[in-house]
PDB file of N, CA and C in Angstrom:
ATOM      1  N   MET A   1     -29.771  -0.954  31.741  1.00  0.00           N
ATOM      2  CA  MET A   1     -29.051  -1.699  30.751  1.00  0.00           C
ATOM      3  C   MET A   1     -29.551  -1.333  29.436  1.00  0.00           C
ATOM      4  N   ASN A   2     -28.517  -1.018  28.492  1.00  0.00           N
ATOM      5  CA  ASN A   2     -28.810  -0.796  27.070  1.00  0.00           C
ATOM      6  C   ASN A   2     -27.988  -1.653  26.275  1.00  0.00           C
ATOM      7  N   ILE A   3     -28.695  -2.235  25.224  1.00  0.00           N
ATOM      8  CA  ILE A   3     -27.952  -3.168  24.350  1.00  0.00           C
ATOM      9  C   ILE A   3     -28.182  -2.623  22.911  1.00  0.00           C
ATOM     10  N   GLU A   4     -27.092  -2.366  22.242  1.00  0.00           N
ATOM     11  CA  GLU A   4     -26.990  -1.959  20.905  1.00  0.00           C
ATOM     12  C   GLU A   4     -26.381  -3.144  20.084  1.00  0.00           C
ATOM     13  N   HIS A   5     -26.851  -3.327  18.808  1.00  0.00           N
ATOM     14  CA  HIS A   5     -26.231  -4.427  17.964  1.00  0.00           C
ATOM     15  C   HIS A   5     -26.112  -3.928  16.551  1.00  0.00           C
ATOM     16  N   LYS A   6     -25.220  -4.491  15.876  1.00  0.00           N
ATOM     17  CA  LYS A   6     -25.119  -4.350  14.463  1.00  0.00           C
ATOM     18  C   LYS A   6     -24.429  -5.542  13.822  1.00  0.00           C
ATOM     19  N   LEU A   7     -24.746  -5.899  12.558  1.00  0.00           N
ATOM     20  CA  LEU A   7     -24.121  -6.918  11.847  1.00  0.00           C
ATOM     21  C   LEU A   7     -23.262  -6.301  10.773  1.00  0.00           C
ATOM     22  N   VAL A   8     -21.987  -6.592  10.879  1.00  0.00           N
ATOM     23  CA  VAL A   8     -21.051  -6.127   9.966  1.00  0.00           C
ATOM     24  C   VAL A   8     -20.456  -7.248   9.117  1.00  0.00           C
ATOM     25  N   GLY A   9     -20.736  -7.507   7.951  1.00  0.00           N
ATOM     26  CA  GLY A   9     -20.314  -8.772   7.359  1.00  0.00           C
ATOM     27  C   GLY A   9     -20.839  -9.905   7.953  1.00  0.00           C
ATOM     28  N   SER A  10     -19.965 -10.839   8.502  1.00  0.00           N
ATOM     29  CA  SER A  10     -20.410 -12.074   9.092  1.00  0.00           C
ATOM     30  C   SER A  10     -20.186 -11.883  10.702  1.00  0.00           C
ATOM     31  N   THR A  11     -19.935 -10.673  11.198  1.00  0.00           N
ATOM     32  CA  THR A  11     -19.689 -10.486  12.619  1.00  0.00           C
ATOM     33  C   THR A  11     -20.816  -9.758  13.241  1.00  0.00           C
ATOM     34  N   LEU A  12     -21.368 -10.239  14.242  1.00  0.00           N
ATOM     35  CA  LEU A  12     -22.475  -9.590  15.018  1.00  0.00           C
ATOM     36  C   LEU A  12     -21.871  -8.938  16.197  1.00  0.00           C
ATOM     37  N   TYR A  13     -22.001  -7.698  16.312  1.00  0.00           N
ATOM     38  CA  TYR A  13     -21.456  -6.776  17.450  1.00  0.00           C
ATOM     39  C   TYR A  13     -22.575  -6.400  18.392  1.00  0.00           C
ATOM     40  N   PHE A  14     -22.266  -6.634  19.649  1.00  0.00           N
ATOM     41  CA  PHE A  14     -23.205  -6.104  20.753  1.00  0.00           C
ATOM     42  C   PHE A  14     -22.478  -5.128  21.617  1.00  0.00           C
ATOM     43  N   GLY A  15     -23.102  -3.990  21.871  1.00  0.00           N
ATOM     44  CA  GLY A  15     -22.604  -3.015  22.641  1.00  0.00           C
ATOM     45  C   GLY A  15     -23.435  -2.979  24.030  1.00  0.00           C
ATOM     46  N   LEU A  16     -22.752  -3.283  25.073  1.00  0.00           N
ATOM     47  CA  LEU A  16     -23.556  -3.331  26.416  1.00  0.00           C
ATOM     48  C   LEU A  16     -23.176  -2.029  27.191  1.00  0.00           C
ATOM     49  N   SER A  17     -24.184  -1.408  27.796  1.00  0.00           N
ATOM     50  CA  SER A  17     -23.953  -0.285  28.672  1.00  0.00           C
ATOM     51  C   SER A  17     -24.847  -0.240  29.854  1.00  0.00           C
ATOM     52  N   GLY A  18     -24.310   0.129  30.972  1.00  0.00           N
ATOM     53  CA  GLY A  18     -25.005   0.103  32.163  1.00  0.00           C
ATOM     54  C   GLY A  18     -24.443  -0.979  33.100  1.00  0.00           C
ATOM     55  N   GLU A  19     -25.374  -1.666  33.844  1.00  0.00           N
ATOM     56  CA  GLU A  19     -24.966  -2.650  34.829  1.00  0.00           C
ATOM     57  C   GLU A  19     -25.530  -4.014  34.361  1.00  0.00           C
ATOM     58  N   LEU A  20     -24.678  -5.097  34.300  1.00  0.00           N
ATOM     59  CA  LEU A  20     -25.157  -6.415  34.035  1.00  0.00           C
ATOM     60  C   LEU A  20     -25.234  -7.161  35.316  1.00  0.00           C
ATOM     61  N   ASP A  21     -26.420  -7.239  36.022  1.00  0.00           N
ATOM     62  CA  ASP A  21     -26.659  -7.947  37.224  1.00  0.00           C
ATOM     63  C   ASP A  21     -27.879  -8.612  37.292  1.00  0.00           C
ATOM     64  N   GLU A  22     -28.255  -9.060  38.459  1.00  0.00           N
ATOM     65  CA  GLU A  22     -29.613  -9.954  38.559  1.00  0.00           C
ATOM     66  C   GLU A  22     -30.839  -9.046  38.101  1.00  0.00           C
ATOM     67  N   SER A  23     -30.907  -7.761  38.245  1.00  0.00           N
ATOM     68  CA  SER A  23     -32.015  -6.980  37.838  1.00  0.00           C
ATOM     69  C   SER A  23     -32.323  -7.030  36.376  1.00  0.00           C
ATOM     70  N   CYS A  24     -31.315  -7.191  35.608  1.00  0.00           N
ATOM     71  CA  CYS A  24     -31.506  -7.108  34.070  1.00  0.00           C
ATOM     72  C   CYS A  24     -31.054  -8.412  33.374  1.00  0.00           C
ATOM     73  N   ALA A  25     -30.661  -9.436  34.120  1.00  0.00           N
ATOM     74  CA  ALA A  25     -30.138 -10.606  33.421  1.00  0.00           C
ATOM     75  C   ALA A  25     -31.026 -11.230  32.436  1.00  0.00           C
ATOM     76  N   ALA A  26     -32.355 -11.308  32.886  1.00  0.00           N
ATOM     77  CA  ALA A  26     -33.374 -12.033  31.981  1.00  0.00           C
ATOM     78  C   ALA A  26     -33.527 -11.126  30.646  1.00  0.00           C
ATOM     79  N   PHE A  27     -33.604  -9.845  30.844  1.00  0.00           N
ATOM     80  CA  PHE A  27     -33.733  -8.945  29.639  1.00  0.00           C
ATOM     81  C   PHE A  27     -32.566  -9.090  28.684  1.00  0.00           C
ATOM     82  N   VAL A  28     -31.287  -9.138  29.274  1.00  0.00           N
ATOM     83  CA  VAL A  28     -30.049  -9.268  28.412  1.00  0.00           C
ATOM     84  C   VAL A  28     -30.087 -10.642  27.795  1.00  0.00           C
ATOM     85  N   ARG A  29     -30.391 -11.672  28.528  1.00  0.00           N
ATOM     86  CA  ARG A  29     -30.330 -13.047  27.975  1.00  0.00           C
ATOM     87  C   ARG A  29     -31.359 -13.174  26.825  1.00  0.00           C
ATOM     88  N   ASP A  30     -32.504 -12.723  27.094  1.00  0.00           N
ATOM     89  CA  ASP A  30     -33.623 -12.832  26.119  1.00  0.00           C
ATOM     90  C   ASP A  30     -33.307 -11.946  24.828  1.00  0.00           C
ATOM     91  N   THR A  31     -32.734 -10.800  25.088  1.00  0.00           N
ATOM     92  CA  THR A  31     -32.421  -9.851  23.930  1.00  0.00           C
ATOM     93  C   THR A  31     -31.286 -10.502  23.064  1.00  0.00           C
ATOM     94  N   LEU A  32     -30.197 -10.871  23.724  1.00  0.00           N
ATOM     95  CA  LEU A  32     -29.072 -11.472  22.981  1.00  0.00           C
ATOM     96  C   LEU A  32     -29.516 -12.700  22.144  1.00  0.00           C
ATOM     97  N   ASP A  33     -30.245 -13.624  22.859  1.00  0.00           N
ATOM     98  CA  ASP A  33     -30.776 -14.781  22.222  1.00  0.00           C
ATOM     99  C   ASP A  33     -31.674 -14.479  20.958  1.00  0.00           C
ATOM    100  N   SER A  34     -32.479 -13.586  21.207  1.00  0.00           N
ATOM    101  CA  SER A  34     -33.418 -13.166  20.031  1.00  0.00           C
ATOM    102  C   SER A  34     -32.656 -12.691  18.875  1.00  0.00           C
ATOM    103  N   ILE A  35     -31.736 -11.804  19.109  1.00  0.00           N
ATOM    104  CA  ILE A  35     -30.949 -11.166  18.033  1.00  0.00           C
ATOM    105  C   ILE A  35     -30.028 -12.237  17.296  1.00  0.00           C
ATOM    106  N   CYS A  36     -29.510 -13.024  18.127  1.00  0.00           N
ATOM    107  CA  CYS A  36     -28.684 -14.086  17.549  1.00  0.00           C
ATOM    108  C   CYS A  36     -29.458 -15.180  16.712  1.00  0.00           C
ATOM    109  N   GLU A  37     -30.672 -15.476  17.148  1.00  0.00           N
ATOM    110  CA  GLU A  37     -31.516 -16.300  16.452  1.00  0.00           C
ATOM    111  C   GLU A  37     -31.918 -15.740  14.997  1.00  0.00           C
ATOM    112  N   ARG A  38     -32.056 -14.418  14.955  1.00  0.00           N
ATOM    113  CA  ARG A  38     -32.464 -13.814  13.741  1.00  0.00           C
ATOM    114  C   ARG A  38     -31.316 -13.549  12.669  1.00  0.00           C
ATOM    115  N   ASN A  39     -30.093 -13.748  13.126  1.00  0.00           N
ATOM    116  CA  ASN A  39     -28.910 -13.466  12.241  1.00  0.00           C
ATOM    117  C   ASN A  39     -28.060 -14.561  11.951  1.00  0.00           C
ATOM    118  N   GLN A  40     -27.443 -14.574  10.822  1.00  0.00           N
ATOM    119  CA  GLN A  40     -26.462 -15.610  10.370  1.00  0.00           C
ATOM    120  C   GLN A  40     -25.105 -14.926  10.615  1.00  0.00           C
ATOM    121  N   MET A  41     -24.291 -15.346  11.524  1.00  0.00           N
ATOM    122  CA  MET A  41     -22.989 -14.819  11.844  1.00  0.00           C
ATOM    123  C   MET A  41     -22.031 -15.862  12.011  1.00  0.00           C
ATOM    124  N   LYS A  42     -20.795 -15.417  11.872  1.00  0.00           N
ATOM    125  CA  LYS A  42     -19.623 -16.458  12.012  1.00  0.00           C
ATOM    126  C   LYS A  42     -18.889 -16.165  13.403  1.00  0.00           C
ATOM    127  N   LYS A  43     -19.145 -14.978  13.998  1.00  0.00           N
ATOM    128  CA  LYS A  43     -18.596 -14.655  15.286  1.00  0.00           C
ATOM    129  C   LYS A  43     -19.436 -13.516  15.897  1.00  0.00           C
ATOM    130  N   VAL A  44     -19.402 -13.501  17.238  1.00  0.00           N
ATOM    131  CA  VAL A  44     -20.034 -12.442  17.998  1.00  0.00           C
ATOM    132  C   VAL A  44     -18.917 -11.694  18.768  1.00  0.00           C
ATOM    133  N   ILE A  45     -18.994 -10.419  18.887  1.00  0.00           N
ATOM    134  CA  ILE A  45     -18.104  -9.579  19.607  1.00  0.00           C
ATOM    135  C   ILE A  45     -18.986  -8.756  20.541  1.00  0.00           C
ATOM    136  N   ILE A  46     -18.697  -8.903  21.777  1.00  0.00           N
ATOM    137  CA  ILE A  46     -19.469  -8.183  22.860  1.00  0.00           C
ATOM    138  C   ILE A  46     -18.551  -6.998  23.349  1.00  0.00           C
ATOM    139  N   ASP A  47     -18.948  -5.824  22.997  1.00  0.00           N
ATOM    140  CA  ASP A  47     -18.153  -4.630  23.409  1.00  0.00           C
ATOM    141  C   ASP A  47     -18.672  -4.177  24.754  1.00  0.00           C
ATOM    142  N   MET A  48     -17.786  -4.203  25.885  1.00  0.00           N
ATOM    143  CA  MET A  48     -18.120  -3.836  27.172  1.00  0.00           C
ATOM    144  C   MET A  48     -17.696  -2.485  27.615  1.00  0.00           C
ATOM    145  N   GLU A  49     -17.147  -1.696  26.715  1.00  0.00           N
ATOM    146  CA  GLU A  49     -16.669  -0.434  27.060  1.00  0.00           C
ATOM    147  C   GLU A  49     -17.391   0.398  27.979  1.00  0.00           C
ATOM    148  N   ARG A  50     -18.785   0.379  27.822  1.00  0.00           N
ATOM    149  CA  ARG A  50     -19.599   1.298  28.614  1.00  0.00           C
ATOM    150  C   ARG A  50     -20.396   0.424  29.642  1.00  0.00           C
ATOM    151  N   LEU A  51     -19.812  -0.713  29.972  1.00  0.00           N
ATOM    152  CA  LEU A  51     -20.475  -1.460  31.105  1.00  0.00           C
ATOM    153  C   LEU A  51     -19.903  -1.073  32.356  1.00  0.00           C
ATOM    154  N   ASN A  52     -20.663  -0.617  33.296  1.00  0.00           N
ATOM    155  CA  ASN A  52     -20.233  -0.050  34.632  1.00  0.00           C
ATOM    156  C   ASN A  52     -19.952  -1.107  35.652  1.00  0.00           C
ATOM    157  N   PHE A  53     -20.732  -2.141  35.523  1.00  0.00           N
ATOM    158  CA  PHE A  53     -20.653  -3.153  36.693  1.00  0.00           C
ATOM    159  C   PHE A  53     -21.272  -4.538  36.076  1.00  0.00           C
ATOM    160  N   MET A  54     -20.632  -5.632  36.581  1.00  0.00           N
ATOM    161  CA  MET A  54     -21.056  -6.977  36.304  1.00  0.00           C
ATOM    162  C   MET A  54     -20.835  -7.852  37.463  1.00  0.00           C
ATOM    163  N   ASP A  55     -21.790  -8.579  37.753  1.00  0.00           N
ATOM    164  CA  ASP A  55     -21.654  -9.611  38.873  1.00  0.00           C
ATOM    165  C   ASP A  55     -21.727 -11.037  38.389  1.00  0.00           C
ATOM    166  N   SER A  56     -21.766 -11.875  39.210  1.00  0.00           N
ATOM    167  CA  SER A  56     -21.821 -13.366  38.918  1.00  0.00           C
ATOM    168  C   SER A  56     -23.037 -13.716  38.027  1.00  0.00           C
ATOM    169  N   THR A  57     -24.134 -13.032  38.241  1.00  0.00           N
ATOM    170  CA  THR A  57     -25.274 -13.229  37.379  1.00  0.00           C
ATOM    171  C   THR A  57     -24.885 -12.915  35.905  1.00  0.00           C
ATOM    172  N   GLY A  58     -24.183 -11.858  35.779  1.00  0.00           N
ATOM    173  CA  GLY A  58     -23.670 -11.529  34.332  1.00  0.00           C
ATOM    174  C   GLY A  58     -22.807 -12.431  33.683  1.00  0.00           C
ATOM    175  N   ILE A  59     -21.832 -13.050  34.595  1.00  0.00           N
ATOM    176  CA  ILE A  59     -21.086 -14.160  34.119  1.00  0.00           C
ATOM    177  C   ILE A  59     -21.982 -15.330  33.592  1.00  0.00           C
ATOM    178  N   GLY A  60     -22.946 -15.645  34.374  1.00  0.00           N
ATOM    179  CA  GLY A  60     -23.957 -16.771  33.869  1.00  0.00           C
ATOM    180  C   GLY A  60     -24.564 -16.434  32.627  1.00  0.00           C
ATOM    181  N   VAL A  61     -24.922 -15.145  32.352  1.00  0.00           N
ATOM    182  CA  VAL A  61     -25.506 -14.758  31.112  1.00  0.00           C
ATOM    183  C   VAL A  61     -24.518 -15.027  30.009  1.00  0.00           C
ATOM    184  N   LEU A  62     -23.372 -14.615  30.188  1.00  0.00           N
ATOM    185  CA  LEU A  62     -22.346 -14.837  29.132  1.00  0.00           C
ATOM    186  C   LEU A  62     -22.013 -16.325  28.837  1.00  0.00           C
ATOM    187  N   ILE A  63     -21.950 -17.047  29.928  1.00  0.00           N
ATOM    188  CA  ILE A  63     -21.578 -18.488  29.757  1.00  0.00           C
ATOM    189  C   ILE A  63     -22.732 -19.182  29.043  1.00  0.00           C
ATOM    190  N   GLY A  64     -24.038 -18.838  29.325  1.00  0.00           N
ATOM    191  CA  GLY A  64     -25.298 -19.317  28.679  1.00  0.00           C
ATOM    192  C   GLY A  64     -25.207 -19.096  27.189  1.00  0.00           C
ATOM    193  N   ARG A  65     -24.771 -17.799  26.785  1.00  0.00           N
ATOM    194  CA  ARG A  65     -24.810 -17.472  25.428  1.00  0.00           C
ATOM    195  C   ARG A  65     -23.661 -18.158  24.695  1.00  0.00           C
ATOM    196  N   TYR A  66     -22.533 -18.381  25.451  1.00  0.00           N
ATOM    197  CA  TYR A  66     -21.406 -19.192  24.854  1.00  0.00           C
ATOM    198  C   TYR A  66     -21.953 -20.612  24.531  1.00  0.00           C
ATOM    199  N   ARG A  67     -22.554 -21.249  25.424  1.00  0.00           N
ATOM    200  CA  ARG A  67     -23.060 -22.602  25.227  1.00  0.00           C
ATOM    201  C   ARG A  67     -23.965 -22.748  24.097  1.00  0.00           C
ATOM    202  N   LYS A  68     -24.996 -21.713  23.921  1.00  0.00           N
ATOM    203  CA  LYS A  68     -25.911 -21.744  22.844  1.00  0.00           C
ATOM    204  C   LYS A  68     -25.101 -21.589  21.561  1.00  0.00           C
ATOM    205  N   LEU A  69     -24.262 -20.594  21.471  1.00  0.00           N
ATOM    206  CA  LEU A  69     -23.603 -20.333  20.225  1.00  0.00           C
ATOM    207  C   LEU A  69     -22.519 -21.323  19.781  1.00  0.00           C
ATOM    208  N   LYS A  70     -21.980 -22.072  20.830  1.00  0.00           N
ATOM    209  CA  LYS A  70     -20.979 -23.126  20.613  1.00  0.00           C
ATOM    210  C   LYS A  70     -21.600 -24.187  19.805  1.00  0.00           C
ATOM    211  N   THR A  71     -22.971 -24.463  19.961  1.00  0.00           N
ATOM    212  CA  THR A  71     -23.672 -25.532  19.094  1.00  0.00           C
ATOM    213  C   THR A  71     -23.767 -25.164  17.692  1.00  0.00           C
ATOM    214  N   ARG A  72     -23.632 -23.800  17.404  1.00  0.00           N
ATOM    215  CA  ARG A  72     -23.605 -23.297  16.018  1.00  0.00           C
ATOM    216  C   ARG A  72     -22.233 -23.048  15.487  1.00  0.00           C
ATOM    217  N   ALA A  73     -21.218 -23.397  16.291  1.00  0.00           N
ATOM    218  CA  ALA A  73     -19.847 -23.104  16.044  1.00  0.00           C
ATOM    219  C   ALA A  73     -19.510 -21.561  15.792  1.00  0.00           C
ATOM    220  N   VAL A  74     -20.228 -20.743  16.645  1.00  0.00           N
ATOM    221  CA  VAL A  74     -19.945 -19.392  16.580  1.00  0.00           C
ATOM    222  C   VAL A  74     -19.267 -18.804  17.839  1.00  0.00           C
ATOM    223  N   PRO A  75     -17.958 -18.426  17.774  1.00  0.00           N
ATOM    224  CA  PRO A  75     -17.260 -17.986  18.820  1.00  0.00           C
ATOM    225  C   PRO A  75     -17.735 -16.564  19.349  1.00  0.00           C
ATOM    226  N   ILE A  76     -17.464 -16.355  20.640  1.00  0.00           N
ATOM    227  CA  ILE A  76     -17.805 -15.005  21.201  1.00  0.00           C
ATOM    228  C   ILE A  76     -16.436 -14.528  21.646  1.00  0.00           C
ATOM    229  N   LEU A  77     -16.309 -13.206  21.424  1.00  0.00           N
ATOM    230  CA  LEU A  77     -15.098 -12.531  21.809  1.00  0.00           C
ATOM    231  C   LEU A  77     -15.563 -11.215  22.688  1.00  0.00           C
ATOM    232  N   ILE A  78     -14.814 -10.888  23.648  1.00  0.00           N
ATOM    233  CA  ILE A  78     -14.947  -9.792  24.455  1.00  0.00           C
ATOM    234  C   ILE A  78     -14.033  -8.669  24.135  1.00  0.00           C
ATOM    235  N   ALA A  79     -14.643  -7.408  24.032  1.00  0.00           N
ATOM    236  CA  ALA A  79     -13.874  -6.267  23.655  1.00  0.00           C
ATOM    237  C   ALA A  79     -14.084  -5.228  24.739  1.00  0.00           C
ATOM    238  N   SER A  80     -12.946  -4.525  25.050  1.00  0.00           N
ATOM    239  CA  SER A  80     -12.853  -3.295  25.858  1.00  0.00           C
ATOM    240  C   SER A  80     -13.647  -3.381  27.223  1.00  0.00           C
ATOM    241  N   PRO A  81     -13.399  -4.383  28.000  1.00  0.00           N
ATOM    242  CA  PRO A  81     -14.013  -4.415  29.370  1.00  0.00           C
ATOM    243  C   PRO A  81     -13.206  -3.377  30.278  1.00  0.00           C
ATOM    244  N   PRO A  82     -14.075  -2.522  30.996  1.00  0.00           N
ATOM    245  CA  PRO A  82     -13.408  -1.613  31.870  1.00  0.00           C
ATOM    246  C   PRO A  82     -12.661  -2.392  33.044  1.00  0.00           C
ATOM    247  N   GLY A  83     -11.831  -1.649  33.774  1.00  0.00           N
ATOM    248  CA  GLY A  83     -10.982  -2.341  34.695  1.00  0.00           C
ATOM    249  C   GLY A  83     -11.691  -3.290  35.749  1.00  0.00           C
ATOM    250  N   ALA A  84     -12.811  -2.806  36.333  1.00  0.00           N
ATOM    251  CA  ALA A  84     -13.396  -3.729  37.305  1.00  0.00           C
ATOM    252  C   ALA A  84     -14.065  -4.908  36.622  1.00  0.00           C
ATOM    253  N   VAL A  85     -14.614  -4.787  35.514  1.00  0.00           N
ATOM    254  CA  VAL A  85     -15.312  -5.768  34.763  1.00  0.00           C
ATOM    255  C   VAL A  85     -14.208  -6.811  34.249  1.00  0.00           C
ATOM    256  N   ASP A  86     -13.095  -6.315  33.798  1.00  0.00           N
ATOM    257  CA  ASP A  86     -12.068  -7.031  33.358  1.00  0.00           C
ATOM    258  C   ASP A  86     -11.497  -8.003  34.456  1.00  0.00           C
ATOM    259  N   ARG A  87     -11.437  -7.429  35.636  1.00  0.00           N
ATOM    260  CA  ARG A  87     -10.916  -8.174  36.844  1.00  0.00           C
ATOM    261  C   ARG A  87     -11.753  -9.445  37.127  1.00  0.00           C
ATOM    262  N   VAL A  88     -13.139  -9.071  37.110  1.00  0.00           N
ATOM    263  CA  VAL A  88     -14.124 -10.118  37.228  1.00  0.00           C
ATOM    264  C   VAL A  88     -14.027 -11.246  36.177  1.00  0.00           C
ATOM    265  N   LEU A  89     -13.811 -10.841  34.963  1.00  0.00           N
ATOM    266  CA  LEU A  89     -13.733 -11.775  33.801  1.00  0.00           C
ATOM    267  C   LEU A  89     -12.418 -12.678  33.989  1.00  0.00           C
ATOM    268  N   LYS A  90     -11.325 -11.999  34.412  1.00  0.00           N
ATOM    269  CA  LYS A  90     -10.131 -12.681  34.513  1.00  0.00           C
ATOM    270  C   LYS A  90     -10.142 -13.690  35.710  1.00  0.00           C
ATOM    271  N   LEU A  91     -10.779 -13.250  36.826  1.00  0.00           N
ATOM    272  CA  LEU A  91     -10.912 -14.164  37.995  1.00  0.00           C
ATOM    273  C   LEU A  91     -11.684 -15.438  37.670  1.00  0.00           C
ATOM    274  N   THR A  92     -12.730 -15.250  36.873  1.00  0.00           N
ATOM    275  CA  THR A  92     -13.551 -16.419  36.571  1.00  0.00           C
ATOM    276  C   THR A  92     -13.028 -17.300  35.449  1.00  0.00           C
ATOM    277  N   GLY A  93     -11.964 -16.893  34.761  1.00  0.00           N
ATOM    278  CA  GLY A  93     -11.375 -17.638  33.708  1.00  0.00           C
ATOM    279  C   GLY A  93     -12.181 -17.666  32.465  1.00  0.00           C
ATOM    280  N   ILE A  94     -13.147 -16.690  32.337  1.00  0.00           N
ATOM    281  CA  ILE A  94     -14.042 -16.718  31.141  1.00  0.00           C
ATOM    282  C   ILE A  94     -13.272 -16.448  29.769  1.00  0.00           C
ATOM    283  N   TYR A  95     -12.034 -15.792  30.020  1.00  0.00           N
ATOM    284  CA  TYR A  95     -11.240 -15.472  28.750  1.00  0.00           C
ATOM    285  C   TYR A  95     -10.739 -16.729  28.101  1.00  0.00           C
ATOM    286  N   ASP A  96     -10.749 -17.878  28.908  1.00  0.00           N
ATOM    287  CA  ASP A  96     -10.378 -19.210  28.244  1.00  0.00           C
ATOM    288  C   ASP A  96     -11.274 -19.611  27.236  1.00  0.00           C
ATOM    289  N   ILE A  97     -12.562 -19.310  27.367  1.00  0.00           N
ATOM    290  CA  ILE A  97     -13.640 -19.650  26.368  1.00  0.00           C
ATOM    291  C   ILE A  97     -14.147 -18.471  25.442  1.00  0.00           C
ATOM    292  N   MET A  98     -13.969 -17.250  26.018  1.00  0.00           N
ATOM    293  CA  MET A  98     -14.292 -16.042  25.282  1.00  0.00           C
ATOM    294  C   MET A  98     -13.046 -15.102  25.304  1.00  0.00           C
ATOM    295  N   PRO A  99     -12.209 -15.194  24.311  1.00  0.00           N
ATOM    296  CA  PRO A  99     -11.011 -14.342  24.420  1.00  0.00           C
ATOM    297  C   PRO A  99     -11.314 -12.924  24.352  1.00  0.00           C
ATOM    298  N   LYS A 100     -10.405 -12.174  25.006  1.00  0.00           N
ATOM    299  CA  LYS A 100     -10.543 -10.646  24.975  1.00  0.00           C
ATOM    300  C   LYS A 100      -9.657 -10.220  23.812  1.00  0.00           C
ATOM    301  N   ILE A 101     -10.298  -9.247  23.106  1.00  0.00           N
ATOM    302  CA  ILE A 101      -9.570  -8.657  21.909  1.00  0.00           C
ATOM    303  C   ILE A 101      -9.490  -7.242  22.061  1.00  0.00           C
ATOM    304  N   ALA A 102      -8.632  -6.633  21.297  1.00  0.00           N
ATOM    305  CA  ALA A 102      -8.538  -5.216  21.208  1.00  0.00           C
ATOM    306  C   ALA A 102      -9.396  -4.713  20.084  1.00  0.00           C
ATOM    307  N   GLU A 103     -10.351  -3.883  20.337  1.00  0.00           N
ATOM    308  CA  GLU A 103     -11.153  -3.264  19.279  1.00  0.00           C
ATOM    309  C   GLU A 103     -11.043  -1.878  19.100  1.00  0.00           C
TER     310      GLU A 103
END
């Protein structure tokens, strides 16, 4: 799993690549939390274009970040999920709390 990030104006962008599953969930959770705590942003965009796989553990990581950022009134948006990841996100209803956007 590789995580890139950049702050552009008041938007914090994360780029995820690789697989988001149990083997890297703690790393992803800790990395996203650490970066979010160090930055002042009005929204977060998670670009999943290079994410090859995500299981229910990955969904849990996303929901946990949503809950943390909700307390700061910072929305999370999902960009460019590949087909299989998009299906998982649709099935779980995550787009109801983290809308998918075109980036």
